[in-house]
Structure formats: structure tokens, C-alpha cells
C-alpha atoms as a PDB file:
ATOM      1  CA  UNK A   1      62.567 113.438  83.750  1.00  0.00           C
ATOM      2  CA  UNK A   2      59.089 114.125  82.331  1.00  0.00           C
ATOM      3  CA  UNK A   3      59.151 111.008  80.191  1.00  0.00           C
ATOM      4  CA  UNK A   4      60.233 108.925  83.169  1.00  0.00           C
ATOM      5  CA  UNK A   5      56.899 109.796  84.763  1.00  0.00           C
ATOM      6  CA  UNK A   6      54.829 109.568  81.588  1.00  0.00           C
ATOM      7  CA  UNK A   7      56.357 108.489  78.279  1.00  0.00           C
ATOM      8  CA  UNK A   8      53.394 109.979  76.355  1.00  0.00           C
ATOM      9  CA  UNK A   9      53.582 113.400  77.978  1.00  0.00           C
ATOM     10  CA  UNK A  10      54.193 116.465  75.809  1.00  0.00           C
ATOM     11  CA  UNK A  11      55.831 119.614  77.098  1.00  0.00           C
ATOM     12  CA  UNK A  12      55.013 122.910  75.370  1.00  0.00           C
ATOM     13  CA  UNK A  13      56.242 126.343  76.367  1.00  0.00           C
ATOM     14  CA  UNK A  14      53.923 129.346  76.371  1.00  0.00           C
ATOM     15  CA  UNK A  15      54.742 132.801  77.628  1.00  0.00           C
ATOM     16  CA  UNK A  16      54.180 136.513  77.504  1.00  0.00           C
ATOM     17  CA  UNK A  17      56.888 139.108  78.089  1.00  0.00           C
ATOM     18  CA  UNK A  18      56.531 142.850  78.513  1.00  0.00           C
ATOM     19  CA  UNK A  19      60.091 143.771  77.494  1.00  0.00           C
ATOM     20  CA  UNK A  20      60.695 143.523  73.705  1.00  0.00           C
ATOM     21  CA  UNK A  21      64.392 142.700  74.176  1.00  0.00           C
ATOM     22  CA  UNK A  22      63.670 139.882  76.651  1.00  0.00           C
ATOM     23  CA  UNK A  23      60.959 138.583  74.340  1.00  0.00           C
ATOM     24  CA  UNK A  24      63.390 138.456  71.411  1.00  0.00           C
ATOM     25  CA  UNK A  25      66.090 136.745  73.500  1.00  0.00           C
ATOM     26  CA  UNK A  26      63.563 134.158  74.653  1.00  0.00           C
ATOM     27  CA  UNK A  27      62.462 133.417  71.093  1.00  0.00           C
ATOM     28  CA  UNK A  28      66.052 133.217  69.839  1.00  0.00           C
ATOM     29  CA  UNK A  29      66.964 130.774  72.605  1.00  0.00           C
ATOM     30  CA  UNK A  30      63.935 128.623  71.822  1.00  0.00           C
ATOM     31  CA  UNK A  31      64.741 128.595  68.099  1.00  0.00           C
ATOM     32  CA  UNK A  32      68.300 127.472  68.829  1.00  0.00           C
ATOM     33  CA  UNK A  33      66.863 124.601  70.882  1.00  0.00           C
ATOM     34  CA  UNK A  34      64.400 123.663  68.117  1.00  0.00           C
ATOM     35  CA  UNK A  35      61.299 124.741  70.015  1.00  0.00           C
ATOM     36  CA  UNK A  36      58.152 126.434  68.711  1.00  0.00           C
ATOM     37  CA  UNK A  37      58.107 130.221  69.283  1.00  0.00           C
ATOM     38  CA  UNK A  38      54.539 130.983  68.156  1.00  0.00           C
ATOM     39  CA  UNK A  39      53.338 130.630  71.751  1.00  0.00           C
ATOM     40  CA  UNK A  40      55.589 133.401  73.085  1.00  0.00           C
ATOM     41  CA  UNK A  41      53.737 136.713  73.035  1.00  0.00           C
ATOM     42  CA  UNK A  42      54.806 140.330  73.563  1.00  0.00           C
ATOM     43  CA  UNK A  43      52.768 142.445  75.941  1.00  0.00           C
ATOM     44  CA  UNK A  44      51.688 143.223  79.484  1.00  0.00           C
ATOM     45  CA  UNK A  45      50.099 140.165  81.129  1.00  0.00           C
ATOM     46  CA  UNK A  46      48.149 142.375  83.543  1.00  0.00           C
ATOM     47  CA  UNK A  47      46.502 144.659  80.985  1.00  0.00           C
ATOM     48  CA  UNK A  48      46.744 142.665  77.719  1.00  0.00           C
ATOM     49  CA  UNK A  49      46.449 138.917  78.339  1.00  0.00           C
ATOM     50  CA  UNK A  50      47.167 137.167  75.039  1.00  0.00           C
ATOM     51  CA  UNK A  51      46.880 133.541  76.153  1.00  0.00           C
ATOM     52  CA  UNK A  52      43.417 133.810  77.721  1.00  0.00           C
ATOM     53  CA  UNK A  53      41.823 131.147  75.498  1.00  0.00           C
ATOM     54  CA  UNK A  54      44.490 128.520  76.262  1.00  0.00           C
ATOM     55  CA  UNK A  55      44.185 125.886  78.991  1.00  0.00           C
ATOM     56  CA  UNK A  56      47.209 124.805  81.040  1.00  0.00           C
ATOM     57  CA  UNK A  57      47.905 121.986  83.471  1.00  0.00           C
ATOM     58  CA  UNK A  58      50.724 123.896  85.189  1.00  0.00           C
ATOM     59  CA  UNK A  59      51.853 127.515  85.216  1.00  0.00           C
ATOM     60  CA  UNK A  60      54.946 129.327  86.471  1.00  0.00           C
ATOM     61  CA  UNK A  61      55.041 133.057  86.922  1.00  0.00           C
ATOM     62  CA  UNK A  62      57.657 135.639  87.829  1.00  0.00           C
ATOM     63  CA  UNK A  63      56.733 138.808  89.639  1.00  0.00           C
ATOM     64  CA  UNK A  64      57.319 141.879  87.450  1.00  0.00           C
ATOM     65  CA  UNK A  65      60.277 143.153  89.485  1.00  0.00           C
ATOM     66  CA  UNK A  66      61.739 146.364  88.116  1.00  0.00           C
ATOM     67  CA  UNK A  67      58.599 147.448  86.258  1.00  0.00           C
ATOM     68  CA  UNK A  68      57.672 151.012  87.039  1.00  0.00           C
ATOM     69  CA  UNK A  69      54.140 150.655  85.671  1.00  0.00           C
ATOM     70  CA  UNK A  70      52.260 147.412  86.196  1.00  0.00           C
ATOM     71  CA  UNK A  71      48.809 148.356  84.920  1.00  0.00           C
ATOM     72  CA  UNK A  72      48.209 150.867  82.159  1.00  0.00           C
ATOM     73  CA  UNK A  73      45.146 153.027  81.540  1.00  0.00           C
ATOM     74  CA  UNK A  74      43.945 150.554  78.920  1.00  0.00           C
ATOM     75  CA  UNK A  75      43.315 147.874  81.578  1.00  0.00           C
END
């Protein structure tokens, strides 16, 4: 659908995940689909933003449901 709107558009996935298991599953799924995994980071997005220098046209975010601690002392 993206290329129907703009045939020169490029879609790249970036992300940061707090849970090491979810992070690994995400990377494995992306590798299976032939996607680049270097842009998927491990860590807390509230206290350790690892994609701060990047610029994005669009962003999706999930609330951290189920997390008992959202911000650590290092924030």
C-alpha cells in the first residue's frame, strides 16, 4: 500500500523494547522477513532513550502495560 501512494517511499523499522525476550523475538521475526535489526534497541524508553538522534516522519507507541517500574532512579 505504501508504494501505491509513493513508489519512491522507503519504510524502515526502528524500536526499543524493555523486555529482553520480546526484543529477541522482534529481532528474530525481522531477520526471518529479511529486515534490518540494527535499529531495534534494548532498554527503557523512559529512562534510556537510544534513538534520540534519529528523526522520524511517523511514530507508533504502545503504553508499557504490565510494567511494575516505568522510571528508574537513573532517569
